[in-house]
Amino acid sequence: MHIFLKAIKHYYKKEISRCQSCSMPLIYDKQHLGGNIYCSYCHDGESFINNGMTLGDMQQKVDHLLRSRHSHIIIRIYIYLRLATLKRWRKL
């Protein structure tokens, strides 16, 4: 049971600390600037790297990356839908 709870805690930590632009878990970003809600691939600390990018562009980019990594279709759909809920793309 202890291993199961540890696994849940690990995945929960990844889920709540995702880049608010591309949804990548920040724990995998080796160049992440602490305190920033965006990964180093999306934001350089001053501004977005691809400032003209739209939500549709990001969805295509992330889907292409997930396809190249042979991710399951359920994960690709989940991330595709989740992107619209992130801070960069959310419409208030």
PDB file of N, CA and C in Angstrom:
ATOM      1  N   MET A   1       0.824  -1.193   0.000  1.00  0.00           N
ATOM      2  CA  MET A   1       0.000   0.000   0.000  1.00  0.00           C
ATOM      3  C   MET A   1       0.866   1.254   0.000  1.00  0.00           C
ATOM      4  N   HIS A   2       1.991   1.230   0.713  1.00  0.00           N
ATOM      5  CA  HIS A   2       2.881   2.383   0.788  1.00  0.00           C
ATOM      6  C   HIS A   2       3.411   2.761  -0.602  1.00  0.00           C
ATOM      7  N   ILE A   3       3.756   1.778  -1.418  1.00  0.00           N
ATOM      8  CA  ILE A   3       4.265   2.035  -2.764  1.00  0.00           C
ATOM      9  C   ILE A   3       3.184   2.695  -3.612  1.00  0.00           C
ATOM     10  N   PHE A   4       1.952   2.240  -3.457  1.00  0.00           N
ATOM     11  CA  PHE A   4       0.828   2.802  -4.206  1.00  0.00           C
ATOM     12  C   PHE A   4       0.627   4.271  -3.850  1.00  0.00           C
ATOM     13  N   LEU A   5       0.665   4.611  -2.570  1.00  0.00           N
ATOM     14  CA  LEU A   5       0.490   5.999  -2.140  1.00  0.00           C
ATOM     15  C   LEU A   5       1.647   6.880  -2.619  1.00  0.00           C
ATOM     16  N   LYS A   6       2.827   6.323  -2.619  1.00  0.00           N
ATOM     17  CA  LYS A   6       3.997   7.062  -3.098  1.00  0.00           C
ATOM     18  C   LYS A   6       3.846   7.367  -4.589  1.00  0.00           C
ATOM     19  N   ALA A   7       3.355   6.404  -5.352  1.00  0.00           N
ATOM     20  CA  ALA A   7       3.151   6.598  -6.788  1.00  0.00           C
ATOM     21  C   ALA A   7       2.089   7.667  -7.040  1.00  0.00           C
ATOM     22  N   ILE A   8       1.017   7.642  -6.279  1.00  0.00           N
ATOM     23  CA  ILE A   8      -0.040   8.647  -6.423  1.00  0.00           C
ATOM     24  C   ILE A   8       0.505  10.036  -6.110  1.00  0.00           C
ATOM     25  N   LYS A   9       1.278  10.146  -5.061  1.00  0.00           N
ATOM     26  CA  LYS A   9       1.867  11.437  -4.681  1.00  0.00           C
ATOM     27  C   LYS A   9       2.786  11.952  -5.792  1.00  0.00           C
ATOM     28  N   HIS A  10       3.578  11.067  -6.375  1.00  0.00           N
ATOM     29  CA  HIS A  10       4.491  11.442  -7.459  1.00  0.00           C
ATOM     30  C   HIS A  10       3.705  11.980  -8.663  1.00  0.00           C
ATOM     31  N   TYR A  11       2.665  11.268  -9.078  1.00  0.00           N
ATOM     32  CA  TYR A  11       1.881  11.700 -10.235  1.00  0.00           C
ATOM     33  C   TYR A  11       1.072  12.955  -9.936  1.00  0.00           C
ATOM     34  N   TYR A  12       0.609  13.104  -8.714  1.00  0.00           N
ATOM     35  CA  TYR A  12      -0.110  14.320  -8.323  1.00  0.00           C
ATOM     36  C   TYR A  12       0.821  15.524  -8.386  1.00  0.00           C
ATOM     37  N   LYS A  13       2.045  15.355  -7.911  1.00  0.00           N
ATOM     38  CA  LYS A  13       3.019  16.445  -7.941  1.00  0.00           C
ATOM     39  C   LYS A  13       3.311  16.866  -9.383  1.00  0.00           C
ATOM     40  N   LYS A  14       3.429  15.890 -10.286  1.00  0.00           N
ATOM     41  CA  LYS A  14       3.643  16.203 -11.702  1.00  0.00           C
ATOM     42  C   LYS A  14       2.428  16.930 -12.269  1.00  0.00           C
ATOM     43  N   GLU A  15       1.254  16.501 -11.902  1.00  0.00           N
ATOM     44  CA  GLU A  15       0.024  17.066 -12.458  1.00  0.00           C
ATOM     45  C   GLU A  15      -0.182  18.515 -12.053  1.00  0.00           C
ATOM     46  N   ILE A  16       0.117  18.868 -10.811  1.00  0.00           N
ATOM     47  CA  ILE A  16      -0.123  20.240 -10.369  1.00  0.00           C
ATOM     48  C   ILE A  16       1.006  21.187 -10.733  1.00  0.00           C
ATOM     49  N   SER A  17       2.144  20.666 -11.126  1.00  0.00           N
ATOM     50  CA  SER A  17       3.266  21.541 -11.480  1.00  0.00           C
ATOM     51  C   SER A  17       3.622  21.375 -12.953  1.00  0.00           C
ATOM     52  N   ARG A  18       2.672  21.722 -13.800  1.00  0.00           N
ATOM     53  CA  ARG A  18       2.868  21.654 -15.245  1.00  0.00           C
ATOM     54  C   ARG A  18       3.052  23.050 -15.810  1.00  0.00           C
ATOM     55  N   CYS A  19       3.789  23.136 -16.899  1.00  0.00           N
ATOM     56  CA  CYS A  19       3.938  24.401 -17.615  1.00  0.00           C
ATOM     57  C   CYS A  19       2.548  24.892 -18.008  1.00  0.00           C
ATOM     58  N   GLN A  20       2.284  26.143 -17.759  1.00  0.00           N
ATOM     59  CA  GLN A  20       0.978  26.713 -18.050  1.00  0.00           C
ATOM     60  C   GLN A  20       0.854  27.176 -19.501  1.00  0.00           C
ATOM     61  N   SER A  21       1.727  26.650 -20.360  1.00  0.00           N
ATOM     62  CA  SER A  21       1.639  26.910 -21.793  1.00  0.00           C
ATOM     63  C   SER A  21       1.563  25.601 -22.580  1.00  0.00           C
ATOM     64  N   CYS A  22       2.452  24.646 -22.282  1.00  0.00           N
ATOM     65  CA  CYS A  22       2.501  23.396 -23.057  1.00  0.00           C
ATOM     66  C   CYS A  22       2.088  22.165 -22.260  1.00  0.00           C
ATOM     67  N   SER A  23       1.933  22.290 -20.961  1.00  0.00           N
ATOM     68  CA  SER A  23       1.504  21.220 -20.045  1.00  0.00           C
ATOM     69  C   SER A  23       2.603  20.224 -19.687  1.00  0.00           C
ATOM     70  N   MET A  24       3.849  20.512 -20.027  1.00  0.00           N
ATOM     71  CA  MET A  24       4.944  19.620 -19.660  1.00  0.00           C
ATOM     72  C   MET A  24       5.169  19.682 -18.145  1.00  0.00           C
ATOM     73  N   PRO A  25       5.317  18.538 -17.487  1.00  0.00           N
ATOM     74  CA  PRO A  25       5.641  18.574 -16.061  1.00  0.00           C
ATOM     75  C   PRO A  25       6.967  19.308 -15.840  1.00  0.00           C
ATOM     76  N   LEU A  26       6.952  20.307 -14.989  1.00  0.00           N
ATOM     77  CA  LEU A  26       8.138  21.138 -14.776  1.00  0.00           C
ATOM     78  C   LEU A  26       9.298  20.371 -14.152  1.00  0.00           C
ATOM     79  N   ILE A  27       9.016  19.245 -13.509  1.00  0.00           N
ATOM     80  CA  ILE A  27      10.105  18.471 -12.910  1.00  0.00           C
ATOM     81  C   ILE A  27      11.025  17.872 -13.980  1.00  0.00           C
ATOM     82  N   TYR A  28      10.578  17.824 -15.237  1.00  0.00           N
ATOM     83  CA  TYR A  28      11.402  17.291 -16.316  1.00  0.00           C
ATOM     84  C   TYR A  28      12.196  18.370 -17.044  1.00  0.00           C
ATOM     85  N   ASP A  29      11.986  19.634 -16.693  1.00  0.00           N
ATOM     86  CA  ASP A  29      12.682  20.739 -17.349  1.00  0.00           C
ATOM     87  C   ASP A  29      13.962  21.039 -16.582  1.00  0.00           C
ATOM     88  N   LYS A  30      15.086  20.648 -17.128  1.00  0.00           N
ATOM     89  CA  LYS A  30      16.364  20.813 -16.436  1.00  0.00           C
ATOM     90  C   LYS A  30      16.807  22.266 -16.340  1.00  0.00           C
ATOM     91  N   GLN A  31      16.229  23.142 -17.176  1.00  0.00           N
ATOM     92  CA  GLN A  31      16.605  24.554 -17.164  1.00  0.00           C
ATOM     93  C   GLN A  31      15.501  25.425 -16.580  1.00  0.00           C
ATOM     94  N   HIS A  32      14.548  24.821 -15.891  1.00  0.00           N
ATOM     95  CA  HIS A  32      13.407  25.568 -15.340  1.00  0.00           C
ATOM     96  C   HIS A  32      13.868  26.596 -14.317  1.00  0.00           C
ATOM     97  N   LEU A  33      13.330  27.787 -14.459  1.00  0.00           N
ATOM     98  CA  LEU A  33      13.611  28.849 -13.495  1.00  0.00           C
ATOM     99  C   LEU A  33      12.616  28.703 -12.351  1.00  0.00           C
ATOM    100  N   GLY A  34      13.087  28.415 -11.175  1.00  0.00           N
ATOM    101  CA  GLY A  34      12.209  28.221 -10.027  1.00  0.00           C
ATOM    102  C   GLY A  34      11.249  29.382  -9.837  1.00  0.00           C
ATOM    103  N   GLY A  35      10.010  29.073  -9.511  1.00  0.00           N
ATOM    104  CA  GLY A  35       9.008  30.101  -9.293  1.00  0.00           C
ATOM    105  C   GLY A  35       8.261  30.495 -10.552  1.00  0.00           C
ATOM    106  N   ASN A  36       8.779  30.114 -11.711  1.00  0.00           N
ATOM    107  CA  ASN A  36       8.110  30.426 -12.965  1.00  0.00           C
ATOM    108  C   ASN A  36       7.094  29.330 -13.260  1.00  0.00           C
ATOM    109  N   ILE A  37       5.932  29.694 -13.778  1.00  0.00           N
ATOM    110  CA  ILE A  37       4.893  28.709 -14.079  1.00  0.00           C
ATOM    111  C   ILE A  37       5.011  28.169 -15.502  1.00  0.00           C
ATOM    112  N   TYR A  38       6.043  28.615 -16.219  1.00  0.00           N
ATOM    113  CA  TYR A  38       6.259  28.167 -17.588  1.00  0.00           C
ATOM    114  C   TYR A  38       7.614  27.457 -17.698  1.00  0.00           C
ATOM    115  N   CYS A  39       7.689  26.485 -18.614  1.00  0.00           N
ATOM    116  CA  CYS A  39       8.951  25.771 -18.827  1.00  0.00           C
ATOM    117  C   CYS A  39       9.901  26.632 -19.657  1.00  0.00           C
ATOM    118  N   SER A  40      11.155  26.237 -19.697  1.00  0.00           N
ATOM    119  CA  SER A  40      12.164  26.996 -20.436  1.00  0.00           C
ATOM    120  C   SER A  40      11.994  26.869 -21.948  1.00  0.00           C
ATOM    121  N   TYR A  41      11.197  25.911 -22.410  1.00  0.00           N
ATOM    122  CA  TYR A  41      10.940  25.764 -23.843  1.00  0.00           C
ATOM    123  C   TYR A  41       9.884  26.762 -24.323  1.00  0.00           C
ATOM    124  N   CYS A  42       9.043  27.234 -23.397  1.00  0.00           N
ATOM    125  CA  CYS A  42       7.968  28.168 -23.746  1.00  0.00           C
ATOM    126  C   CYS A  42       8.275  29.610 -23.346  1.00  0.00           C
ATOM    127  N   HIS A  43       9.057  29.788 -22.284  1.00  0.00           N
ATOM    128  CA  HIS A  43       9.267  31.124 -21.724  1.00  0.00           C
ATOM    129  C   HIS A  43      10.721  31.272 -21.305  1.00  0.00           C
ATOM    130  N   ASP A  44      11.325  32.397 -21.641  1.00  0.00           N
ATOM    131  CA  ASP A  44      12.738  32.601 -21.311  1.00  0.00           C
ATOM    132  C   ASP A  44      12.949  33.416 -20.034  1.00  0.00           C
ATOM    133  N   GLY A  45      11.889  33.645 -19.277  1.00  0.00           N
ATOM    134  CA  GLY A  45      11.989  34.441 -18.056  1.00  0.00           C
ATOM    135  C   GLY A  45      11.522  35.867 -18.268  1.00  0.00           C
ATOM    136  N   GLU A  46      11.544  36.319 -19.516  1.00  0.00           N
ATOM    137  CA  GLU A  46      11.110  37.674 -19.878  1.00  0.00           C
ATOM    138  C   GLU A  46       9.826  37.643 -20.711  1.00  0.00           C
ATOM    139  N   SER A  47       9.782  36.731 -21.668  1.00  0.00           N
ATOM    140  CA  SER A  47       8.628  36.657 -22.569  1.00  0.00           C
ATOM    141  C   SER A  47       8.520  35.251 -23.156  1.00  0.00           C
ATOM    142  N   PHE A  48       7.393  35.002 -23.841  1.00  0.00           N
ATOM    143  CA  PHE A  48       7.211  33.714 -24.490  1.00  0.00           C
ATOM    144  C   PHE A  48       8.158  33.589 -25.678  1.00  0.00           C
ATOM    145  N   ILE A  49       8.702  32.412 -25.870  1.00  0.00           N
ATOM    146  CA  ILE A  49       9.650  32.168 -26.944  1.00  0.00           C
ATOM    147  C   ILE A  49       8.947  32.233 -28.299  1.00  0.00           C
ATOM    148  N   ASN A  50       7.783  31.628 -28.410  1.00  0.00           N
ATOM    149  CA  ASN A  50       6.973  31.689 -29.629  1.00  0.00           C
ATOM    150  C   ASN A  50       5.759  32.569 -29.345  1.00  0.00           C
ATOM    151  N   ASN A  51       5.981  33.870 -29.295  1.00  0.00           N
ATOM    152  CA  ASN A  51       4.950  34.808 -28.878  1.00  0.00           C
ATOM    153  C   ASN A  51       3.735  34.815 -29.792  1.00  0.00           C
ATOM    154  N   GLY A  52       3.904  34.545 -31.085  1.00  0.00           N
ATOM    155  CA  GLY A  52       2.789  34.560 -32.019  1.00  0.00           C
ATOM    156  C   GLY A  52       2.016  33.255 -32.084  1.00  0.00           C
ATOM    157  N   MET A  53       2.386  32.291 -31.262  1.00  0.00           N
ATOM    158  CA  MET A  53       1.757  30.984 -31.294  1.00  0.00           C
ATOM    159  C   MET A  53       0.317  31.055 -30.768  1.00  0.00           C
ATOM    160  N   THR A  54      -0.570  30.323 -31.416  1.00  0.00           N
ATOM    161  CA  THR A  54      -1.960  30.236 -30.971  1.00  0.00           C
ATOM    162  C   THR A  54      -2.167  28.919 -30.221  1.00  0.00           C
ATOM    163  N   LEU A  55      -3.328  28.788 -29.597  1.00  0.00           N
ATOM    164  CA  LEU A  55      -3.663  27.534 -28.910  1.00  0.00           C
ATOM    165  C   LEU A  55      -3.640  26.381 -29.910  1.00  0.00           C
ATOM    166  N   GLY A  56      -4.191  26.581 -31.093  1.00  0.00           N
ATOM    167  CA  GLY A  56      -4.182  25.527 -32.119  1.00  0.00           C
ATOM    168  C   GLY A  56      -2.778  25.116 -32.519  1.00  0.00           C
ATOM    169  N   ASP A  57      -1.888  26.103 -32.633  1.00  0.00           N
ATOM    170  CA  ASP A  57      -0.490  25.798 -32.950  1.00  0.00           C
ATOM    171  C   ASP A  57       0.138  24.936 -31.856  1.00  0.00           C
ATOM    172  N   MET A  58      -0.117  25.301 -30.590  1.00  0.00           N
ATOM    173  CA  MET A  58       0.447  24.538 -29.467  1.00  0.00           C
ATOM    174  C   MET A  58      -0.125  23.130 -29.438  1.00  0.00           C
ATOM    175  N   GLN A  59      -1.426  22.993 -29.693  1.00  0.00           N
ATOM    176  CA  GLN A  59      -2.043  21.667 -29.698  1.00  0.00           C
ATOM    177  C   GLN A  59      -1.403  20.790 -30.775  1.00  0.00           C
ATOM    178  N   GLN A  60      -1.153  21.345 -31.948  1.00  0.00           N
ATOM    179  CA  GLN A  60      -0.510  20.577 -33.014  1.00  0.00           C
ATOM    180  C   GLN A  60       0.927  20.209 -32.649  1.00  0.00           C
ATOM    181  N   LYS A  61       1.655  21.164 -32.079  1.00  0.00           N
ATOM    182  CA  LYS A  61       3.047  20.926 -31.702  1.00  0.00           C
ATOM    183  C   LYS A  61       3.152  19.814 -30.652  1.00  0.00           C
ATOM    184  N   VAL A  62       2.308  19.899 -29.628  1.00  0.00           N
ATOM    185  CA  VAL A  62       2.351  18.901 -28.553  1.00  0.00           C
ATOM    186  C   VAL A  62       1.883  17.545 -29.068  1.00  0.00           C
ATOM    187  N   ASP A  63       0.843  17.523 -29.910  1.00  0.00           N
ATOM    188  CA  ASP A  63       0.370  16.253 -30.452  1.00  0.00           C
ATOM    189  C   ASP A  63       1.453  15.600 -31.312  1.00  0.00           C
ATOM    190  N   HIS A  64       2.146  16.392 -32.100  1.00  0.00           N
ATOM    191  CA  HIS A  64       3.242  15.852 -32.920  1.00  0.00           C
ATOM    192  C   HIS A  64       4.333  15.235 -32.031  1.00  0.00           C
ATOM    193  N   LEU A  65       4.683  15.931 -30.960  1.00  0.00           N
ATOM    194  CA  LEU A  65       5.690  15.413 -30.033  1.00  0.00           C
ATOM    195  C   LEU A  65       5.226  14.108 -29.385  1.00  0.00           C
ATOM    196  N   LEU A  66       3.970  14.075 -28.938  1.00  0.00           N
ATOM    197  CA  LEU A  66       3.448  12.868 -28.296  1.00  0.00           C
ATOM    198  C   LEU A  66       3.357  11.704 -29.288  1.00  0.00           C
ATOM    199  N   ARG A  67       3.003  11.998 -30.536  1.00  0.00           N
ATOM    200  CA  ARG A  67       2.974  10.944 -31.559  1.00  0.00           C
ATOM    201  C   ARG A  67       4.376  10.381 -31.793  1.00  0.00           C
ATOM    202  N   SER A  68       5.371  11.262 -31.840  1.00  0.00           N
ATOM    203  CA  SER A  68       6.743  10.805 -32.072  1.00  0.00           C
ATOM    204  C   SER A  68       7.248   9.934 -30.930  1.00  0.00           C
ATOM    205  N   ARG A  69       6.642  10.111 -29.762  1.00  0.00           N
ATOM    206  CA  ARG A  69       7.015   9.290 -28.597  1.00  0.00           C
ATOM    207  C   ARG A  69       6.089   8.090 -28.419  1.00  0.00           C
ATOM    208  N   HIS A  70       5.228   7.863 -29.399  1.00  0.00           N
ATOM    209  CA  HIS A  70       4.293   6.732 -29.419  1.00  0.00           C
ATOM    210  C   HIS A  70       3.376   6.716 -28.193  1.00  0.00           C
ATOM    211  N   SER A  71       2.920   7.898 -27.781  1.00  0.00           N
ATOM    212  CA  SER A  71       2.007   7.998 -26.648  1.00  0.00           C
ATOM    213  C   SER A  71       0.634   7.454 -27.032  1.00  0.00           C
ATOM    214  N   HIS A  72      -0.047   6.898 -26.068  1.00  0.00           N
ATOM    215  CA  HIS A  72      -1.369   6.331 -26.273  1.00  0.00           C
ATOM    216  C   HIS A  72      -2.354   7.432 -26.671  1.00  0.00           C
ATOM    217  N   ILE A  73      -3.335   7.090 -27.472  1.00  0.00           N
ATOM    218  CA  ILE A  73      -4.325   8.050 -27.970  1.00  0.00           C
ATOM    219  C   ILE A  73      -5.078   8.745 -26.825  1.00  0.00           C
ATOM    220  N   ILE A  74      -5.338   8.044 -25.744  1.00  0.00           N
ATOM    221  CA  ILE A  74      -6.047   8.636 -24.604  1.00  0.00           C
ATOM    222  C   ILE A  74      -5.218   9.771 -23.996  1.00  0.00           C
ATOM    223  N   ILE A  75      -3.928   9.578 -23.873  1.00  0.00           N
ATOM    224  CA  ILE A  75      -3.051  10.618 -23.335  1.00  0.00           C
ATOM    225  C   ILE A  75      -3.012  11.802 -24.281  1.00  0.00           C
ATOM    226  N   ARG A  76      -2.940  11.540 -25.582  1.00  0.00           N
ATOM    227  CA  ARG A  76      -2.911  12.640 -26.558  1.00  0.00           C
ATOM    228  C   ARG A  76      -4.197  13.455 -26.519  1.00  0.00           C
ATOM    229  N   ILE A  77      -5.326  12.794 -26.407  1.00  0.00           N
ATOM    230  CA  ILE A  77      -6.610  13.508 -26.328  1.00  0.00           C
ATOM    231  C   ILE A  77      -6.682  14.314 -25.041  1.00  0.00           C
ATOM    232  N   TYR A  78      -6.266  13.705 -23.929  1.00  0.00           N
ATOM    233  CA  TYR A  78      -6.292  14.399 -22.636  1.00  0.00           C
ATOM    234  C   TYR A  78      -5.464  15.684 -22.684  1.00  0.00           C
ATOM    235  N   ILE A  79      -4.240  15.591 -23.185  1.00  0.00           N
ATOM    236  CA  ILE A  79      -3.365  16.771 -23.249  1.00  0.00           C
ATOM    237  C   ILE A  79      -3.932  17.799 -24.228  1.00  0.00           C
ATOM    238  N   TYR A  80      -4.458  17.350 -25.365  1.00  0.00           N
ATOM    239  CA  TYR A  80      -5.053  18.252 -26.346  1.00  0.00           C
ATOM    240  C   TYR A  80      -6.150  19.096 -25.693  1.00  0.00           C
ATOM    241  N   LEU A  81      -7.018  18.455 -24.927  1.00  0.00           N
ATOM    242  CA  LEU A  81      -8.113  19.165 -24.256  1.00  0.00           C
ATOM    243  C   LEU A  81      -7.619  19.994 -23.077  1.00  0.00           C
ATOM    244  N   ARG A  82      -6.624  19.484 -22.377  1.00  0.00           N
ATOM    245  CA  ARG A  82      -6.111  20.169 -21.184  1.00  0.00           C
ATOM    246  C   ARG A  82      -5.409  21.478 -21.524  1.00  0.00           C
ATOM    247  N   LEU A  83      -4.797  21.562 -22.694  1.00  0.00           N
ATOM    248  CA  LEU A  83      -4.074  22.772 -23.065  1.00  0.00           C
ATOM    249  C   LEU A  83      -4.956  24.016 -22.976  1.00  0.00           C
ATOM    250  N   ALA A  84      -6.212  23.904 -23.371  1.00  0.00           N
ATOM    251  CA  ALA A  84      -7.121  25.058 -23.351  1.00  0.00           C
ATOM    252  C   ALA A  84      -7.414  25.542 -21.933  1.00  0.00           C
ATOM    253  N   THR A  85      -7.135  24.738 -20.928  1.00  0.00           N
ATOM    254  CA  THR A  85      -7.406  25.130 -19.538  1.00  0.00           C
ATOM    255  C   THR A  85      -6.212  25.801 -18.872  1.00  0.00           C
ATOM    256  N   LEU A  86      -5.063  25.815 -19.544  1.00  0.00           N
ATOM    257  CA  LEU A  86      -3.851  26.381 -18.947  1.00  0.00           C
ATOM    258  C   LEU A  86      -3.871  27.900 -18.994  1.00  0.00           C
ATOM    259  N   LYS A  87      -3.144  28.513 -18.093  1.00  0.00           N
ATOM    260  CA  LYS A  87      -3.184  29.960 -17.907  1.00  0.00           C
ATOM    261  C   LYS A  87      -2.917  30.749 -19.205  1.00  0.00           C
ATOM    262  N   ARG A  88      -1.968  30.321 -19.991  1.00  0.00           N
ATOM    263  CA  ARG A  88      -1.640  31.058 -21.224  1.00  0.00           C
ATOM    264  C   ARG A  88      -2.809  31.090 -22.201  1.00  0.00           C
ATOM    265  N   TRP A  89      -3.597  30.041 -22.248  1.00  0.00           N
ATOM    266  CA  TRP A  89      -4.641  29.894 -23.265  1.00  0.00           C
ATOM    267  C   TRP A  89      -6.048  30.135 -22.745  1.00  0.00           C
ATOM    268  N   ARG A  90      -6.227  30.161 -21.455  1.00  0.00           N
ATOM    269  CA  ARG A  90      -7.559  30.286 -20.867  1.00  0.00           C
ATOM    270  C   ARG A  90      -8.156  31.649 -21.192  1.00  0.00           C
ATOM    271  N   LYS A  91      -9.381  31.611 -21.628  1.00  0.00           N
ATOM    272  CA  LYS A  91     -10.119  32.853 -21.900  1.00  0.00           C
ATOM    273  C   LYS A  91     -10.944  33.195 -20.669  1.00  0.00           C
ATOM    274  N   LEU A  92     -10.712  34.356 -20.122  1.00  0.00           N
ATOM    275  CA  LEU A  92     -11.452  34.769 -18.910  1.00  0.00           C
ATOM    276  C   LEU A  92     -12.692  35.535 -19.271  1.00  0.00           C
TER     277      LEU A  92
END
